[in-house]
Amino acid sequence: MADQLTALTMLNTLSQPSRDLFEQRLVKRAFAKGDTLIDKGDQVSGAYFVLGGQLRVYTYGPGGKEATLYMIDPGETCVLALNSLFNDMLYPAWVEAETDTVVGVLPGIAYRTLFSNDPAIQDLTVRALSTAVFRLMAELEQIHANKLDRRLASFLINRASSEGVVKKTQREIAAHIGTTREVVARLLGQLASDGLIATGRGQVRILDAAALAAQVMAVE
């Protein structure tokens, strides 16, 4: 959303005392791709802001399959962490680094102080909640409305770079669409046989985006 107030733009709207507190108390931590930041059941120590990279929030569905809840992009914060922080609850999911990622952690007491005194932080919190709700709804619609082949096609289209490349392993793709690596391998093999994609080590290249998009819109 173009008008979304992110953690980065929010700094420019804080009062000077609030900005000083934010910058003084923010602790930056670097994580490699695949690192786990939070486990389900952990106590949340503060608010998490993505300064670079991307985080994936996920849980496990029936049969032990991973199910992605939402992604956290640069400038955004984790709404589940905020919920745990304000309601004194344990974290209800898992968080891992989708790529090499830098996270800023603002201790809970500092975030609560800012939330009580600064409208910019209040606005950021409400917008983070709104964004997370829409993303969760989108994920649920994908899961319930589409077959696996359509979900895979949609995932590839939505995650491809401008060059048409999706830099994800089969395991990572499986986790995102809620299935197994073996199923993803079979579906990718079919798409490759049809000439829609080409697979490589840790990546998928889209060769025919129009035909792939047509699979997403196909009606049985």
N, C-alpha and C. Protein backbone atom coordinates (compact mmCIF):
# COMPACT_ATOMS: atom_id res chain seq x y z
N MET A 1 0.85 -1.20 0.00
CA MET A 1 0.00 0.00 0.00
C MET A 1 0.89 1.25 0.00
N ALA A 2 0.66 2.11 -0.97
CA ALA A 2 1.54 3.26 -1.13
C ALA A 2 1.48 4.20 0.04
N ASP A 3 0.33 4.30 0.70
CA ASP A 3 0.20 5.25 1.80
C ASP A 3 0.46 4.62 3.15
N GLN A 4 0.98 3.39 3.15
CA GLN A 4 1.21 2.71 4.43
C GLN A 4 2.28 3.42 5.24
N LEU A 5 1.99 3.68 6.50
CA LEU A 5 2.97 4.29 7.39
C LEU A 5 3.86 3.20 7.95
N THR A 6 5.10 3.11 7.48
CA THR A 6 6.01 2.08 7.93
C THR A 6 6.85 2.59 9.08
N ALA A 7 7.60 1.67 9.67
CA ALA A 7 8.46 2.05 10.78
C ALA A 7 9.52 3.05 10.35
N LEU A 8 9.94 2.98 9.09
CA LEU A 8 10.99 3.88 8.62
C LEU A 8 10.45 5.28 8.40
N THR A 9 9.29 5.41 7.74
CA THR A 9 8.72 6.74 7.52
C THR A 9 8.15 7.31 8.81
N MET A 10 7.75 6.41 9.70
CA MET A 10 7.18 6.85 10.98
C MET A 10 8.17 7.67 11.78
N LEU A 11 9.46 7.37 11.67
CA LEU A 11 10.48 8.09 12.43
C LEU A 11 10.43 9.59 12.15
N ASN A 12 10.11 9.94 10.90
CA ASN A 12 10.09 11.35 10.52
C ASN A 12 8.90 12.10 11.11
N THR A 13 7.90 11.36 11.61
CA THR A 13 6.71 12.01 12.16
C THR A 13 6.69 12.03 13.68
N LEU A 14 7.67 11.36 14.30
CA LEU A 14 7.73 11.34 15.76
C LEU A 14 8.17 12.70 16.31
N SER A 15 7.71 13.00 17.49
CA SER A 15 8.24 14.16 18.19
C SER A 15 9.72 13.89 18.49
N GLN A 16 10.49 14.94 18.71
CA GLN A 16 11.92 14.74 18.93
C GLN A 16 12.22 13.86 20.16
N PRO A 17 11.53 14.05 21.29
CA PRO A 17 11.79 13.16 22.43
C PRO A 17 11.47 11.70 22.11
N SER A 18 10.36 11.47 21.37
CA SER A 18 9.99 10.10 21.01
C SER A 18 11.01 9.51 20.05
N ARG A 19 11.46 10.31 19.12
CA ARG A 19 12.45 9.82 18.16
C ARG A 19 13.76 9.47 18.85
N ASP A 20 14.16 10.30 19.79
CA ASP A 20 15.39 10.03 20.55
C ASP A 20 15.26 8.71 21.31
N LEU A 21 14.09 8.49 21.94
CA LEU A 21 13.88 7.26 22.69
C LEU A 21 13.91 6.05 21.76
N PHE A 22 13.26 6.18 20.62
CA PHE A 22 13.21 5.08 19.65
C PHE A 22 14.62 4.70 19.20
N GLU A 23 15.41 5.70 18.80
CA GLU A 23 16.74 5.43 18.27
C GLU A 23 17.71 4.94 19.35
N GLN A 24 17.54 5.43 20.56
CA GLN A 24 18.43 5.02 21.65
C GLN A 24 18.17 3.60 22.12
N ARG A 25 16.91 3.18 22.11
CA ARG A 25 16.56 1.88 22.67
C ARG A 25 16.47 0.77 21.62
N LEU A 26 16.46 1.12 20.35
CA LEU A 26 16.36 0.11 19.30
C LEU A 26 17.65 -0.71 19.22
N VAL A 27 17.52 -2.02 19.31
CA VAL A 27 18.67 -2.93 19.23
C VAL A 27 18.62 -3.66 17.90
N LYS A 28 19.67 -3.54 17.09
CA LYS A 28 19.69 -4.16 15.77
C LYS A 28 20.35 -5.54 15.85
N ARG A 29 19.71 -6.51 15.19
CA ARG A 29 20.22 -7.88 15.15
C ARG A 29 20.16 -8.40 13.73
N ALA A 30 21.20 -9.12 13.32
CA ALA A 30 21.27 -9.68 11.97
C ALA A 30 21.00 -11.18 12.01
N PHE A 31 20.23 -11.67 11.05
CA PHE A 31 19.90 -13.08 10.95
C PHE A 31 20.17 -13.58 9.55
N ALA A 32 20.72 -14.78 9.45
CA ALA A 32 20.95 -15.40 8.16
C ALA A 32 19.66 -16.06 7.66
N LYS A 33 19.55 -16.24 6.36
CA LYS A 33 18.38 -16.90 5.78
C LYS A 33 18.14 -18.25 6.47
N GLY A 34 16.90 -18.48 6.91
CA GLY A 34 16.55 -19.73 7.55
C GLY A 34 16.66 -19.71 9.06
N ASP A 35 17.28 -18.67 9.63
CA ASP A 35 17.39 -18.58 11.09
C ASP A 35 16.01 -18.38 11.71
N THR A 36 15.80 -19.00 12.86
CA THR A 36 14.56 -18.82 13.60
C THR A 36 14.72 -17.67 14.59
N LEU A 37 13.81 -16.69 14.52
CA LEU A 37 13.84 -15.56 15.44
C LEU A 37 13.00 -15.83 16.67
N ILE A 38 11.81 -16.40 16.46
CA ILE A 38 10.88 -16.65 17.55
C ILE A 38 10.28 -18.04 17.37
N ASP A 39 10.22 -18.80 18.45
CA ASP A 39 9.53 -20.09 18.45
C ASP A 39 8.15 -19.92 19.09
N LYS A 40 7.23 -20.77 18.68
CA LYS A 40 5.91 -20.75 19.29
C LYS A 40 6.05 -21.00 20.79
N GLY A 41 5.39 -20.16 21.59
CA GLY A 41 5.47 -20.29 23.03
C GLY A 41 6.51 -19.40 23.68
N ASP A 42 7.30 -18.69 22.85
CA ASP A 42 8.30 -17.77 23.41
C ASP A 42 7.62 -16.55 24.02
N GLN A 43 8.27 -15.96 25.01
CA GLN A 43 7.85 -14.66 25.51
C GLN A 43 8.44 -13.59 24.60
N VAL A 44 7.64 -12.61 24.25
CA VAL A 44 8.09 -11.55 23.34
C VAL A 44 8.67 -10.41 24.15
N SER A 45 9.91 -10.04 23.83
CA SER A 45 10.60 -9.02 24.61
C SER A 45 10.35 -7.61 24.13
N GLY A 46 9.82 -7.48 22.90
CA GLY A 46 9.61 -6.13 22.39
C GLY A 46 8.94 -6.15 21.03
N ALA A 47 8.96 -5.00 20.36
CA ALA A 47 8.40 -4.88 19.02
C ALA A 47 9.50 -5.13 18.00
N TYR A 48 9.16 -5.88 16.95
CA TYR A 48 10.15 -6.26 15.94
C TYR A 48 9.91 -5.46 14.66
N PHE A 49 10.94 -4.76 14.20
CA PHE A 49 10.87 -3.98 12.97
C PHE A 49 11.88 -4.54 11.97
N VAL A 50 11.43 -4.83 10.77
CA VAL A 50 12.33 -5.31 9.73
C VAL A 50 13.01 -4.11 9.08
N LEU A 51 14.33 -4.05 9.21
CA LEU A 51 15.10 -2.94 8.64
C LEU A 51 15.66 -3.29 7.27
N GLY A 52 15.78 -4.59 7.01
CA GLY A 52 16.26 -5.06 5.71
C GLY A 52 16.03 -6.55 5.62
N GLY A 53 15.66 -7.03 4.42
CA GLY A 53 15.36 -8.45 4.26
C GLY A 53 13.88 -8.73 4.38
N GLN A 54 13.54 -9.91 4.90
CA GLN A 54 12.14 -10.29 5.01
C GLN A 54 11.98 -11.41 6.04
N LEU A 55 10.90 -11.35 6.80
CA LEU A 55 10.59 -12.39 7.78
C LEU A 55 9.34 -13.15 7.34
N ARG A 56 9.27 -14.43 7.70
CA ARG A 56 8.08 -15.24 7.43
C ARG A 56 7.51 -15.71 8.76
N VAL A 57 6.22 -15.47 8.96
CA VAL A 57 5.52 -15.94 10.14
C VAL A 57 4.69 -17.15 9.72
N TYR A 58 4.87 -18.27 10.41
CA TYR A 58 4.19 -19.49 9.98
C TYR A 58 3.76 -20.32 11.18
N THR A 59 2.91 -21.30 10.88
CA THR A 59 2.48 -22.27 11.88
C THR A 59 2.46 -23.63 11.23
N TYR A 60 1.96 -24.64 11.92
CA TYR A 60 1.86 -25.98 11.36
C TYR A 60 0.41 -26.40 11.29
N GLY A 61 0.04 -26.97 10.14
CA GLY A 61 -1.31 -27.45 9.97
C GLY A 61 -1.41 -28.93 10.24
N PRO A 62 -2.56 -29.54 9.90
CA PRO A 62 -2.74 -30.98 10.09
C PRO A 62 -1.65 -31.78 9.37
N GLY A 63 -1.15 -32.81 10.02
CA GLY A 63 -0.12 -33.62 9.41
C GLY A 63 1.27 -33.03 9.51
N GLY A 64 1.40 -31.93 10.23
CA GLY A 64 2.71 -31.34 10.43
C GLY A 64 3.21 -30.48 9.29
N LYS A 65 2.33 -30.09 8.37
CA LYS A 65 2.75 -29.25 7.25
C LYS A 65 2.83 -27.79 7.68
N GLU A 66 3.87 -27.11 7.22
CA GLU A 66 4.00 -25.68 7.50
C GLU A 66 2.95 -24.90 6.72
N ALA A 67 2.44 -23.84 7.33
CA ALA A 67 1.48 -22.96 6.68
C ALA A 67 1.89 -21.52 6.95
N THR A 68 2.25 -20.80 5.90
CA THR A 68 2.65 -19.40 6.05
C THR A 68 1.45 -18.54 6.42
N LEU A 69 1.61 -17.73 7.45
CA LEU A 69 0.55 -16.80 7.86
C LEU A 69 0.68 -15.47 7.14
N TYR A 70 1.87 -14.89 7.19
CA TYR A 70 2.12 -13.65 6.46
C TYR A 70 3.61 -13.36 6.44
N MET A 71 4.01 -12.44 5.57
CA MET A 71 5.40 -12.01 5.46
C MET A 71 5.52 -10.62 6.07
N ILE A 72 6.72 -10.30 6.55
CA ILE A 72 6.99 -8.97 7.11
C ILE A 72 8.11 -8.36 6.29
N ASP A 73 7.82 -7.28 5.59
CA ASP A 73 8.76 -6.64 4.68
C ASP A 73 9.50 -5.49 5.35
N PRO A 74 10.54 -4.95 4.70
CA PRO A 74 11.28 -3.82 5.28
C PRO A 74 10.37 -2.65 5.64
N GLY A 75 10.58 -2.13 6.84
CA GLY A 75 9.78 -1.01 7.32
C GLY A 75 8.53 -1.43 8.07
N GLU A 76 8.24 -2.74 8.09
CA GLU A 76 7.03 -3.22 8.76
C GLU A 76 7.38 -3.86 10.10
N THR A 77 6.34 -4.06 10.91
CA THR A 77 6.51 -4.68 12.21
C THR A 77 5.60 -5.89 12.33
N CYS A 78 5.87 -6.76 13.28
CA CYS A 78 5.09 -7.99 13.44
C CYS A 78 3.91 -7.74 14.36
N VAL A 79 2.70 -7.89 13.82
CA VAL A 79 1.50 -7.59 14.60
C VAL A 79 1.27 -8.65 15.69
N LEU A 80 1.64 -9.90 15.44
CA LEU A 80 1.48 -10.92 16.48
C LEU A 80 2.39 -10.64 17.67
N ALA A 81 3.58 -10.10 17.39
CA ALA A 81 4.48 -9.73 18.49
C ALA A 81 3.89 -8.58 19.29
N LEU A 82 3.28 -7.61 18.59
CA LEU A 82 2.64 -6.49 19.30
C LEU A 82 1.48 -7.00 20.14
N ASN A 83 0.70 -7.92 19.59
CA ASN A 83 -0.42 -8.48 20.34
C ASN A 83 0.06 -9.20 21.60
N SER A 84 1.13 -9.98 21.46
CA SER A 84 1.68 -10.69 22.61
C SER A 84 2.22 -9.71 23.64
N LEU A 85 2.83 -8.63 23.13
CA LEU A 85 3.42 -7.63 24.01
C LEU A 85 2.36 -6.91 24.84
N PHE A 86 1.29 -6.47 24.19
CA PHE A 86 0.27 -5.68 24.87
C PHE A 86 -0.65 -6.54 25.75
N ASN A 87 -0.80 -7.81 25.39
CA ASN A 87 -1.73 -8.67 26.13
C ASN A 87 -1.02 -9.67 27.03
N ASP A 88 0.30 -9.54 27.14
CA ASP A 88 1.09 -10.42 28.00
C ASP A 88 0.82 -11.88 27.67
N MET A 89 0.93 -12.22 26.38
CA MET A 89 0.68 -13.58 25.92
C MET A 89 1.95 -14.15 25.29
N LEU A 90 2.04 -15.48 25.24
CA LEU A 90 3.15 -16.13 24.56
C LEU A 90 2.93 -16.06 23.05
N TYR A 91 4.02 -16.04 22.30
CA TYR A 91 3.91 -15.91 20.84
C TYR A 91 3.25 -17.15 20.26
N PRO A 92 2.24 -16.99 19.36
CA PRO A 92 1.43 -18.13 18.92
C PRO A 92 1.91 -18.81 17.63
N ALA A 93 3.08 -18.45 17.13
CA ALA A 93 3.54 -19.02 15.86
C ALA A 93 5.07 -19.07 15.85
N TRP A 94 5.64 -19.29 14.66
CA TRP A 94 7.08 -19.27 14.50
C TRP A 94 7.45 -18.16 13.52
N VAL A 95 8.66 -17.60 13.69
CA VAL A 95 9.15 -16.57 12.78
C VAL A 95 10.55 -16.95 12.34
N GLU A 96 10.79 -16.93 11.02
CA GLU A 96 12.12 -17.20 10.51
C GLU A 96 12.50 -16.16 9.47
N ALA A 97 13.80 -16.04 9.24
CA ALA A 97 14.31 -15.11 8.23
C ALA A 97 14.13 -15.73 6.85
N GLU A 98 13.36 -15.09 6.00
CA GLU A 98 13.15 -15.58 4.64
C GLU A 98 14.38 -15.34 3.78
N THR A 99 15.11 -14.26 4.08
CA THR A 99 16.38 -13.95 3.44
C THR A 99 17.31 -13.46 4.56
N ASP A 100 18.55 -13.15 4.24
CA ASP A 100 19.40 -12.49 5.22
C ASP A 100 18.69 -11.21 5.65
N THR A 101 18.50 -11.05 6.94
CA THR A 101 17.59 -10.01 7.43
C THR A 101 18.17 -9.28 8.64
N VAL A 102 17.94 -7.97 8.68
CA VAL A 102 18.30 -7.15 9.84
C VAL A 102 17.02 -6.69 10.51
N VAL A 103 16.94 -6.96 11.81
CA VAL A 103 15.74 -6.63 12.59
C VAL A 103 16.11 -5.66 13.70
N GLY A 104 15.26 -4.67 13.91
CA GLY A 104 15.41 -3.78 15.04
C GLY A 104 14.40 -4.15 16.11
N VAL A 105 14.86 -4.41 17.32
CA VAL A 105 13.96 -4.80 18.42
C VAL A 105 13.87 -3.64 19.40
N LEU A 106 12.67 -3.13 19.60
CA LEU A 106 12.43 -2.06 20.56
C LEU A 106 11.84 -2.69 21.82
N PRO A 107 12.55 -2.59 22.96
CA PRO A 107 12.06 -3.22 24.20
C PRO A 107 10.61 -2.84 24.51
N GLY A 108 9.89 -3.78 25.10
CA GLY A 108 8.48 -3.59 25.35
C GLY A 108 8.13 -2.34 26.12
N ILE A 109 8.90 -2.04 27.16
CA ILE A 109 8.59 -0.86 27.96
C ILE A 109 8.74 0.41 27.16
N ALA A 110 9.71 0.45 26.24
CA ALA A 110 9.91 1.63 25.39
C ALA A 110 8.75 1.77 24.40
N TYR A 111 8.32 0.64 23.81
CA TYR A 111 7.22 0.71 22.85
C TYR A 111 5.92 1.12 23.53
N ARG A 112 5.68 0.60 24.72
CA ARG A 112 4.47 0.98 25.45
C ARG A 112 4.48 2.48 25.77
N THR A 113 5.64 3.00 26.14
CA THR A 113 5.75 4.43 26.44
C THR A 113 5.45 5.26 25.21
N LEU A 114 6.03 4.87 24.08
CA LEU A 114 5.79 5.60 22.84
C LEU A 114 4.32 5.49 22.41
N PHE A 115 3.74 4.31 22.57
CA PHE A 115 2.35 4.11 22.17
C PHE A 115 1.42 4.99 22.99
N SER A 116 1.74 5.18 24.24
CA SER A 116 0.89 5.99 25.12
C SER A 116 0.98 7.47 24.81
N ASN A 117 2.13 7.89 24.24
CA ASN A 117 2.37 9.33 24.12
C ASN A 117 2.45 9.87 22.70
N ASP A 118 2.60 9.01 21.70
CA ASP A 118 2.86 9.53 20.36
C ASP A 118 1.86 8.97 19.35
N PRO A 119 1.09 9.84 18.68
CA PRO A 119 0.09 9.40 17.69
C PRO A 119 0.71 8.61 16.54
N ALA A 120 1.96 8.90 16.18
CA ALA A 120 2.58 8.19 15.06
C ALA A 120 2.73 6.71 15.37
N ILE A 121 3.09 6.38 16.60
CA ILE A 121 3.21 4.98 17.00
C ILE A 121 1.84 4.32 17.06
N GLN A 122 0.85 5.07 17.53
CA GLN A 122 -0.51 4.54 17.57
C GLN A 122 -1.00 4.23 16.16
N ASP A 123 -0.71 5.12 15.21
CA ASP A 123 -1.12 4.94 13.82
C ASP A 123 -0.41 3.74 13.21
N LEU A 124 0.89 3.62 13.46
CA LEU A 124 1.66 2.49 12.96
C LEU A 124 1.09 1.17 13.46
N THR A 125 0.71 1.12 14.73
CA THR A 125 0.18 -0.11 15.33
C THR A 125 -1.14 -0.51 14.68
N VAL A 126 -2.04 0.45 14.48
CA VAL A 126 -3.33 0.16 13.86
C VAL A 126 -3.14 -0.30 12.41
N ARG A 127 -2.24 0.36 11.69
CA ARG A 127 -2.00 -0.01 10.29
C ARG A 127 -1.36 -1.39 10.18
N ALA A 128 -0.48 -1.70 11.12
CA ALA A 128 0.15 -3.04 11.12
C ALA A 128 -0.91 -4.11 11.31
N LEU A 129 -1.85 -3.87 12.21
CA LEU A 129 -2.95 -4.81 12.44
C LEU A 129 -3.79 -4.97 11.19
N SER A 130 -4.14 -3.85 10.56
CA SER A 130 -4.97 -3.88 9.36
C SER A 130 -4.28 -4.65 8.24
N THR A 131 -2.99 -4.39 8.03
CA THR A 131 -2.23 -5.07 6.98
C THR A 131 -2.18 -6.57 7.23
N ALA A 132 -1.94 -6.97 8.47
CA ALA A 132 -1.85 -8.39 8.81
C ALA A 132 -3.18 -9.09 8.57
N VAL A 133 -4.29 -8.44 8.91
CA VAL A 133 -5.61 -9.05 8.70
C VAL A 133 -5.85 -9.31 7.23
N PHE A 134 -5.53 -8.33 6.37
CA PHE A 134 -5.74 -8.51 4.94
C PHE A 134 -4.85 -9.61 4.39
N ARG A 135 -3.61 -9.70 4.87
CA ARG A 135 -2.71 -10.74 4.38
C ARG A 135 -3.17 -12.12 4.83
N LEU A 136 -3.64 -12.21 6.06
CA LEU A 136 -4.15 -13.49 6.53
C LEU A 136 -5.38 -13.92 5.73
N MET A 137 -6.25 -12.97 5.41
CA MET A 137 -7.42 -13.30 4.61
C MET A 137 -7.02 -13.78 3.22
N ALA A 138 -6.00 -13.14 2.65
CA ALA A 138 -5.53 -13.54 1.32
C ALA A 138 -4.98 -14.96 1.35
N GLU A 139 -4.21 -15.27 2.40
CA GLU A 139 -3.66 -16.62 2.52
C GLU A 139 -4.77 -17.66 2.68
N LEU A 140 -5.78 -17.34 3.50
CA LEU A 140 -6.89 -18.27 3.70
C LEU A 140 -7.67 -18.49 2.42
N GLU A 141 -7.86 -17.43 1.64
CA GLU A 141 -8.58 -17.58 0.38
C GLU A 141 -7.80 -18.46 -0.58
N GLN A 142 -6.47 -18.31 -0.59
CA GLN A 142 -5.64 -19.15 -1.44
C GLN A 142 -5.79 -20.62 -1.05
N ILE A 143 -5.78 -20.87 0.25
CA ILE A 143 -5.81 -22.25 0.74
C ILE A 143 -7.15 -22.91 0.45
N HIS A 144 -8.25 -22.17 0.70
CA HIS A 144 -9.58 -22.79 0.61
C HIS A 144 -10.18 -22.74 -0.78
N ALA A 145 -9.79 -21.76 -1.58
CA ALA A 145 -10.46 -21.58 -2.87
C ALA A 145 -9.71 -22.25 -4.03
N ASN A 146 -8.43 -22.50 -3.89
CA ASN A 146 -7.64 -22.97 -5.01
C ASN A 146 -7.07 -24.36 -4.79
N LYS A 147 -6.96 -25.10 -5.87
CA LYS A 147 -6.25 -26.35 -5.84
C LYS A 147 -4.75 -26.05 -5.76
N LEU A 148 -3.99 -27.08 -5.44
CA LEU A 148 -2.55 -26.89 -5.25
C LEU A 148 -1.87 -26.35 -6.50
N ASP A 149 -2.26 -26.83 -7.68
CA ASP A 149 -1.59 -26.36 -8.89
C ASP A 149 -1.84 -24.87 -9.12
N ARG A 150 -3.05 -24.40 -8.77
CA ARG A 150 -3.34 -22.98 -8.92
C ARG A 150 -2.62 -22.16 -7.86
N ARG A 151 -2.56 -22.69 -6.66
CA ARG A 151 -1.84 -21.98 -5.60
C ARG A 151 -0.37 -21.85 -5.96
N LEU A 152 0.20 -22.91 -6.52
CA LEU A 152 1.60 -22.86 -6.93
C LEU A 152 1.80 -21.82 -8.03
N ALA A 153 0.93 -21.84 -9.03
CA ALA A 153 1.05 -20.87 -10.12
C ALA A 153 0.93 -19.44 -9.60
N SER A 154 -0.03 -19.23 -8.70
CA SER A 154 -0.23 -17.90 -8.12
C SER A 154 0.99 -17.48 -7.31
N PHE A 155 1.55 -18.41 -6.54
CA PHE A 155 2.74 -18.10 -5.74
C PHE A 155 3.89 -17.69 -6.63
N LEU A 156 4.12 -18.42 -7.71
CA LEU A 156 5.24 -18.11 -8.61
C LEU A 156 5.07 -16.73 -9.25
N ILE A 157 3.86 -16.44 -9.67
CA ILE A 157 3.61 -15.13 -10.30
C ILE A 157 3.81 -13.99 -9.31
N ASN A 158 3.30 -14.17 -8.10
CA ASN A 158 3.35 -13.10 -7.10
C ASN A 158 4.75 -12.89 -6.54
N ARG A 159 5.59 -13.92 -6.54
CA ARG A 159 6.90 -13.82 -5.92
C ARG A 159 8.04 -13.65 -6.93
N ALA A 160 7.73 -13.63 -8.22
CA ALA A 160 8.79 -13.53 -9.23
C ALA A 160 9.38 -12.12 -9.27
N SER A 161 10.66 -12.05 -9.54
CA SER A 161 11.33 -10.76 -9.73
C SER A 161 10.95 -10.19 -11.08
N SER A 162 11.46 -9.00 -11.39
CA SER A 162 11.17 -8.38 -12.69
C SER A 162 11.72 -9.20 -13.84
N GLU A 163 12.71 -10.07 -13.54
CA GLU A 163 13.28 -10.95 -14.56
C GLU A 163 12.54 -12.27 -14.64
N GLY A 164 11.49 -12.42 -13.82
CA GLY A 164 10.72 -13.65 -13.85
C GLY A 164 11.32 -14.79 -13.06
N VAL A 165 12.16 -14.47 -12.08
CA VAL A 165 12.83 -15.50 -11.30
C VAL A 165 12.30 -15.52 -9.87
N VAL A 166 12.00 -16.72 -9.38
CA VAL A 166 11.59 -16.93 -7.99
C VAL A 166 12.72 -17.67 -7.30
N LYS A 167 13.40 -17.00 -6.39
CA LYS A 167 14.53 -17.62 -5.70
C LYS A 167 14.07 -18.30 -4.43
N LYS A 168 13.48 -19.47 -4.60
CA LYS A 168 12.99 -20.29 -3.50
C LYS A 168 13.31 -21.74 -3.78
N THR A 169 13.63 -22.50 -2.75
CA THR A 169 13.79 -23.94 -2.91
C THR A 169 12.43 -24.60 -2.94
N GLN A 170 12.39 -25.86 -3.34
CA GLN A 170 11.12 -26.59 -3.34
C GLN A 170 10.55 -26.70 -1.93
N ARG A 171 11.42 -26.87 -0.95
CA ARG A 171 10.96 -26.95 0.44
C ARG A 171 10.31 -25.64 0.86
N GLU A 172 10.92 -24.52 0.49
CA GLU A 172 10.38 -23.22 0.87
C GLU A 172 9.04 -22.97 0.18
N ILE A 173 8.94 -23.34 -1.09
CA ILE A 173 7.68 -23.18 -1.80
C ILE A 173 6.59 -24.04 -1.16
N ALA A 174 6.95 -25.27 -0.81
CA ALA A 174 5.99 -26.17 -0.18
C ALA A 174 5.47 -25.58 1.13
N ALA A 175 6.36 -24.99 1.91
CA ALA A 175 5.95 -24.39 3.18
C ALA A 175 4.98 -23.24 2.96
N HIS A 176 5.18 -22.48 1.89
CA HIS A 176 4.33 -21.33 1.62
C HIS A 176 2.92 -21.75 1.18
N ILE A 177 2.82 -22.80 0.38
CA ILE A 177 1.50 -23.16 -0.15
C ILE A 177 0.85 -24.30 0.62
N GLY A 178 1.51 -24.78 1.68
CA GLY A 178 0.90 -25.75 2.57
C GLY A 178 0.85 -27.16 2.04
N THR A 179 1.98 -27.64 1.48
CA THR A 179 2.04 -29.02 1.01
C THR A 179 3.44 -29.56 1.25
N THR A 180 3.80 -30.66 0.58
CA THR A 180 5.11 -31.27 0.78
C THR A 180 6.05 -30.94 -0.38
N ARG A 181 7.34 -31.11 -0.14
CA ARG A 181 8.33 -30.86 -1.20
C ARG A 181 8.11 -31.79 -2.38
N GLU A 182 7.72 -33.03 -2.10
CA GLU A 182 7.51 -33.99 -3.17
C GLU A 182 6.38 -33.56 -4.10
N VAL A 183 5.31 -33.03 -3.52
CA VAL A 183 4.19 -32.55 -4.34
C VAL A 183 4.62 -31.36 -5.18
N VAL A 184 5.37 -30.44 -4.58
CA VAL A 184 5.86 -29.29 -5.33
C VAL A 184 6.76 -29.73 -6.47
N ALA A 185 7.64 -30.69 -6.22
CA ALA A 185 8.54 -31.19 -7.26
C ALA A 185 7.74 -31.75 -8.44
N ARG A 186 6.68 -32.49 -8.13
CA ARG A 186 5.85 -33.06 -9.20
C ARG A 186 5.15 -31.97 -10.00
N LEU A 187 4.58 -30.98 -9.29
CA LEU A 187 3.87 -29.91 -9.98
C LEU A 187 4.81 -29.04 -10.81
N LEU A 188 5.98 -28.76 -10.28
CA LEU A 188 6.97 -27.98 -11.03
C LEU A 188 7.42 -28.74 -12.27
N GLY A 189 7.57 -30.06 -12.11
CA GLY A 189 7.95 -30.88 -13.25
C GLY A 189 6.93 -30.81 -14.37
N GLN A 190 5.64 -30.80 -14.00
CA GLN A 190 4.59 -30.69 -15.00
C GLN A 190 4.62 -29.33 -15.69
N LEU A 191 4.80 -28.28 -14.91
CA LEU A 191 4.87 -26.94 -15.50
C LEU A 191 6.08 -26.81 -16.43
N ALA A 192 7.19 -27.42 -16.04
CA ALA A 192 8.38 -27.39 -16.88
C ALA A 192 8.14 -28.16 -18.18
N SER A 193 7.46 -29.31 -18.09
CA SER A 193 7.15 -30.10 -19.28
C SER A 193 6.24 -29.34 -20.24
N ASP A 194 5.37 -28.50 -19.68
CA ASP A 194 4.46 -27.68 -20.49
C ASP A 194 5.15 -26.44 -21.06
N GLY A 195 6.40 -26.21 -20.67
CA GLY A 195 7.15 -25.07 -21.19
C GLY A 195 6.86 -23.75 -20.50
N LEU A 196 6.19 -23.81 -19.33
CA LEU A 196 5.83 -22.57 -18.63
C LEU A 196 6.95 -22.07 -17.74
N ILE A 197 7.77 -22.97 -17.23
CA ILE A 197 8.85 -22.58 -16.32
C ILE A 197 10.10 -23.39 -16.63
N ALA A 198 11.20 -22.97 -16.04
CA ALA A 198 12.44 -23.74 -16.04
C ALA A 198 12.95 -23.75 -14.60
N THR A 199 13.34 -24.91 -14.11
CA THR A 199 13.81 -25.02 -12.74
C THR A 199 15.33 -25.09 -12.69
N GLY A 200 15.88 -24.57 -11.60
CA GLY A 200 17.31 -24.62 -11.36
C GLY A 200 17.55 -24.80 -9.87
N ARG A 201 18.78 -24.82 -9.49
CA ARG A 201 19.10 -25.01 -8.08
C ARG A 201 18.63 -23.81 -7.26
N GLY A 202 17.62 -24.03 -6.41
CA GLY A 202 17.14 -22.99 -5.54
C GLY A 202 16.36 -21.89 -6.22
N GLN A 203 15.89 -22.12 -7.46
CA GLN A 203 15.13 -21.08 -8.12
C GLN A 203 14.24 -21.66 -9.22
N VAL A 204 13.25 -20.85 -9.59
CA VAL A 204 12.34 -21.18 -10.69
C VAL A 204 12.28 -19.96 -11.60
N ARG A 205 12.42 -20.18 -12.92
CA ARG A 205 12.31 -19.08 -13.88
C ARG A 205 11.03 -19.24 -14.69
N ILE A 206 10.22 -18.19 -14.70
CA ILE A 206 8.97 -18.21 -15.47
C ILE A 206 9.28 -17.93 -16.93
N LEU A 207 8.85 -18.83 -17.82
CA LEU A 207 9.08 -18.67 -19.25
C LEU A 207 7.85 -18.13 -19.98
N ASP A 208 6.67 -18.44 -19.46
CA ASP A 208 5.43 -18.00 -20.10
C ASP A 208 4.47 -17.52 -19.01
N ALA A 209 4.60 -16.25 -18.64
CA ALA A 209 3.81 -15.70 -17.54
C ALA A 209 2.32 -15.69 -17.87
N ALA A 210 1.99 -15.43 -19.12
CA ALA A 210 0.57 -15.37 -19.51
C ALA A 210 -0.11 -16.72 -19.35
N ALA A 211 0.57 -17.77 -19.78
CA ALA A 211 -0.01 -19.11 -19.66
C ALA A 211 -0.09 -19.53 -18.18
N LEU A 212 0.91 -19.13 -17.40
CA LEU A 212 0.89 -19.46 -15.98
C LEU A 212 -0.27 -18.75 -15.30
N ALA A 213 -0.49 -17.47 -15.64
CA ALA A 213 -1.59 -16.71 -15.07
C ALA A 213 -2.93 -17.31 -15.47
N ALA A 214 -3.00 -17.85 -16.68
CA ALA A 214 -4.26 -18.47 -17.16
C ALA A 214 -4.60 -19.68 -16.30
N GLN A 215 -3.59 -20.39 -15.81
CA GLN A 215 -3.87 -21.52 -14.93
C GLN A 215 -4.51 -21.08 -13.62
N VAL A 216 -4.09 -19.91 -13.11
CA VAL A 216 -4.67 -19.39 -11.87
C VAL A 216 -6.14 -19.06 -12.07
N MET A 217 -6.50 -18.56 -13.24
CA MET A 217 -7.86 -18.11 -13.50
C MET A 217 -8.75 -19.20 -14.10
N ALA A 218 -8.17 -20.37 -14.36
CA ALA A 218 -8.94 -21.43 -15.02
C ALA A 218 -10.14 -21.84 -14.18
N VAL A 219 -11.27 -22.09 -14.83
CA VAL A 219 -12.48 -22.53 -14.18
C VAL A 219 -12.77 -23.95 -14.60
N GLU A 220 -13.00 -24.82 -13.60
CA GLU A 220 -13.27 -26.23 -13.90
C GLU A 220 -14.72 -26.41 -14.31
